Structure formats: C-alpha cells, structure tokens
C-alpha atoms as a PDB file:
ATOM      1  CA  UNK A   1      97.454 118.060 120.082  1.00  0.00           C
ATOM      2  CA  UNK A   2      93.978 119.506 120.783  1.00  0.00           C
ATOM      3  CA  UNK A   3      92.263 118.116 123.906  1.00  0.00           C
ATOM      4  CA  UNK A   4      88.721 118.831 125.047  1.00  0.00           C
ATOM      5  CA  UNK A   5      87.121 118.113 128.434  1.00  0.00           C
ATOM      6  CA  UNK A   6      83.382 118.176 129.041  1.00  0.00           C
ATOM      7  CA  UNK A   7      82.560 120.699 131.679  1.00  0.00           C
ATOM      8  CA  UNK A   8      79.757 121.707 134.068  1.00  0.00           C
ATOM      9  CA  UNK A   9      81.593 124.688 135.428  1.00  0.00           C
ATOM     10  CA  UNK A  10      84.744 123.562 137.204  1.00  0.00           C
ATOM     11  CA  UNK A  11      83.974 119.832 137.097  1.00  0.00           C
ATOM     12  CA  UNK A  12      83.852 117.264 134.366  1.00  0.00           C
ATOM     13  CA  UNK A  13      80.238 116.814 133.284  1.00  0.00           C
ATOM     14  CA  UNK A  14      78.725 113.429 134.082  1.00  0.00           C
ATOM     15  CA  UNK A  15      77.168 112.893 130.684  1.00  0.00           C
ATOM     16  CA  UNK A  16      78.557 113.924 127.260  1.00  0.00           C
ATOM     17  CA  UNK A  17      75.134 114.697 125.867  1.00  0.00           C
ATOM     18  CA  UNK A  18      74.279 117.011 128.758  1.00  0.00           C
ATOM     19  CA  UNK A  19      77.563 118.890 129.006  1.00  0.00           C
ATOM     20  CA  UNK A  20      77.270 122.654 129.515  1.00  0.00           C
ATOM     21  CA  UNK A  21      80.631 123.410 127.888  1.00  0.00           C
ATOM     22  CA  UNK A  22      83.811 122.049 126.409  1.00  0.00           C
ATOM     23  CA  UNK A  23      87.136 123.270 127.734  1.00  0.00           C
ATOM     24  CA  UNK A  24      89.586 123.003 124.861  1.00  0.00           C
ATOM     25  CA  UNK A  25      93.347 123.060 125.278  1.00  0.00           C
ATOM     26  CA  UNK A  26      96.253 123.038 122.840  1.00  0.00           C
ATOM     27  CA  UNK A  27      98.897 120.732 124.317  1.00  0.00           C
ATOM     28  CA  UNK A  28     102.451 121.233 123.164  1.00  0.00           C
ATOM     29  CA  UNK A  29     105.633 119.948 124.685  1.00  0.00           C
ATOM     30  CA  UNK A  30     103.841 118.535 127.737  1.00  0.00           C
ATOM     31  CA  UNK A  31     102.174 121.838 128.531  1.00  0.00           C
ATOM     32  CA  UNK A  32      98.599 123.090 128.082  1.00  0.00           C
ATOM     33  CA  UNK A  33      98.301 126.353 126.175  1.00  0.00           C
ATOM     34  CA  UNK A  34      95.452 128.266 124.517  1.00  0.00           C
ATOM     35  CA  UNK A  35      92.355 127.532 126.566  1.00  0.00           C
ATOM     36  CA  UNK A  36      88.974 128.067 124.899  1.00  0.00           C
ATOM     37  CA  UNK A  37      85.607 127.556 126.450  1.00  0.00           C
ATOM     38  CA  UNK A  38      82.793 126.507 124.104  1.00  0.00           C
ATOM     39  CA  UNK A  39      79.405 127.093 125.704  1.00  0.00           C
ATOM     40  CA  UNK A  40      76.953 124.385 124.705  1.00  0.00           C
ATOM     41  CA  UNK A  41      74.195 125.221 127.185  1.00  0.00           C
ATOM     42  CA  UNK A  42      72.188 127.485 124.873  1.00  0.00           C
ATOM     43  CA  UNK A  43      70.090 125.121 122.795  1.00  0.00           C
ATOM     44  CA  UNK A  44      72.755 123.122 121.012  1.00  0.00           C
ATOM     45  CA  UNK A  45      71.455 119.636 120.094  1.00  0.00           C
ATOM     46  CA  UNK A  46      73.161 116.460 121.165  1.00  0.00           C
ATOM     47  CA  UNK A  47      73.833 115.745 117.547  1.00  0.00           C
ATOM     48  CA  UNK A  48      75.785 118.955 117.107  1.00  0.00           C
ATOM     49  CA  UNK A  49      78.206 118.269 119.917  1.00  0.00           C
ATOM     50  CA  UNK A  50      80.404 115.875 117.880  1.00  0.00           C
ATOM     51  CA  UNK A  51      80.435 118.261 114.968  1.00  0.00           C
ATOM     52  CA  UNK A  52      81.595 121.133 117.211  1.00  0.00           C
ATOM     53  CA  UNK A  53      84.512 119.081 118.467  1.00  0.00           C
ATOM     54  CA  UNK A  54      85.481 117.981 114.964  1.00  0.00           C
ATOM     55  CA  UNK A  55      85.199 121.581 113.675  1.00  0.00           C
ATOM     56  CA  UNK A  56      87.608 122.768 116.425  1.00  0.00           C
ATOM     57  CA  UNK A  57      90.178 120.155 115.520  1.00  0.00           C
ATOM     58  CA  UNK A  58      89.835 118.197 118.763  1.00  0.00           C
ATOM     59  CA  UNK A  59      91.845 114.989 118.772  1.00  0.00           C
ATOM     60  CA  UNK A  60      91.063 113.735 122.265  1.00  0.00           C
ATOM     61  CA  UNK A  61      87.881 114.061 124.339  1.00  0.00           C
ATOM     62  CA  UNK A  62      87.840 113.373 128.039  1.00  0.00           C
ATOM     63  CA  UNK A  63      84.363 112.955 129.537  1.00  0.00           C
ATOM     64  CA  UNK A  64      82.289 111.219 132.215  1.00  0.00           C
ATOM     65  CA  UNK A  65      79.939 108.884 130.461  1.00  0.00           C
ATOM     66  CA  UNK A  66      78.943 108.758 126.794  1.00  0.00           C
ATOM     67  CA  UNK A  67      76.549 106.591 124.795  1.00  0.00           C
ATOM     68  CA  UNK A  68      78.067 104.108 122.403  1.00  0.00           C
ATOM     69  CA  UNK A  69      76.345 105.987 119.507  1.00  0.00           C
ATOM     70  CA  UNK A  70      78.066 109.291 120.348  1.00  0.00           C
ATOM     71  CA  UNK A  71      81.359 107.528 120.925  1.00  0.00           C
ATOM     72  CA  UNK A  72      81.204 105.895 117.487  1.00  0.00           C
ATOM     73  CA  UNK A  73      80.359 109.233 115.904  1.00  0.00           C
ATOM     74  CA  UNK A  74      83.370 110.891 117.568  1.00  0.00           C
ATOM     75  CA  UNK A  75      85.647 108.006 116.572  1.00  0.00           C
ATOM     76  CA  UNK A  76      84.377 108.443 112.976  1.00  0.00           C
ATOM     77  CA  UNK A  77      85.662 112.042 113.260  1.00  0.00           C
ATOM     78  CA  UNK A  78      89.027 110.508 114.424  1.00  0.00           C
ATOM     79  CA  UNK A  79      88.522 111.836 117.919  1.00  0.00           C
ATOM     80  CA  UNK A  80      89.843 109.485 120.720  1.00  0.00           C
ATOM     81  CA  UNK A  81      87.389 109.258 123.661  1.00  0.00           C
ATOM     82  CA  UNK A  82      88.511 108.744 127.233  1.00  0.00           C
ATOM     83  CA  UNK A  83      85.543 108.024 129.527  1.00  0.00           C
ATOM     84  CA  UNK A  84      85.047 107.688 133.265  1.00  0.00           C
ATOM     85  CA  UNK A  85      86.556 111.018 134.253  1.00  0.00           C
ATOM     86  CA  UNK A  86      85.340 112.592 137.553  1.00  0.00           C
ATOM     87  CA  UNK A  87      86.433 115.666 139.413  1.00  0.00           C
ATOM     88  CA  UNK A  88      87.781 119.068 138.585  1.00  0.00           C
ATOM     89  CA  UNK A  89      88.647 119.693 134.957  1.00  0.00           C
ATOM     90  CA  UNK A  90      92.018 121.291 135.900  1.00  0.00           C
ATOM     91  CA  UNK A  91      92.953 118.161 137.819  1.00  0.00           C
ATOM     92  CA  UNK A  92      91.927 115.925 134.937  1.00  0.00           C
ATOM     93  CA  UNK A  93      94.009 118.016 132.561  1.00  0.00           C
ATOM     94  CA  UNK A  94      97.082 117.844 134.862  1.00  0.00           C
ATOM     95  CA  UNK A  95      96.677 114.069 135.235  1.00  0.00           C
ATOM     96  CA  UNK A  96      96.435 113.577 131.452  1.00  0.00           C
ATOM     97  CA  UNK A  97      99.529 115.646 130.816  1.00  0.00           C
ATOM     98  CA  UNK A  98     101.456 113.683 133.474  1.00  0.00           C
ATOM     99  CA  UNK A  99     100.328 110.419 131.878  1.00  0.00           C
ATOM    100  CA  UNK A 100     101.790 111.598 128.548  1.00  0.00           C
ATOM    101  CA  UNK A 101     105.161 111.964 130.130  1.00  0.00           C
ATOM    102  CA  UNK A 102     105.206 108.437 131.530  1.00  0.00           C
END
C-alpha cells in the first residue's frame, strides 16, 4: 500500500492545498519502507496536487484539513483521505501503522 502524508517540514501541514511536500511511504507487512519526498513548494498549482498523488500510486492520504472539492477529486482517483491529522509526520505514520495491526 502507498501512503502519503502532507508535510511542512517535520509536521503535517494544516491545509492540503498549501502543503510544501508529500512524504510518501510504501507500507508492506506492517512496516514503512521506501520513503520519497515530493516537493510541492515550487509553483505547483493546487489542481496538480491530486494528480501528483494519483501519478505516484498513492492509495491513502493523511492530511490536516482539505476542501470538499479536493477530497472528492482524490476519491475520484481512488485515494482514501484521512483528515484531521496534527503533529509530527513520523508520529502520524507510526500511529497509522499501529492502527492497521488492531
């Protein structure tokens, strides 16, 4: 499974449309592997963010807040959206993996 977390450095970004990067992880057997950072701070439009995730094969996005329009677009790409995340991206990743095991 491919999981992405919106990132403003080490923390989850507050707004999907204003994220500075996506941290992308390949999760296999309850472990996170292959980390990739996709920098979105250099002039990428809000409309391209969903396409980037779809193009990278992301299946789940964890973010802070997101507009209903962007969420529908991601869901049209078959990307599950989990909102309301706050804190360090590594802690969010760890918590998500633990929740998979429960």
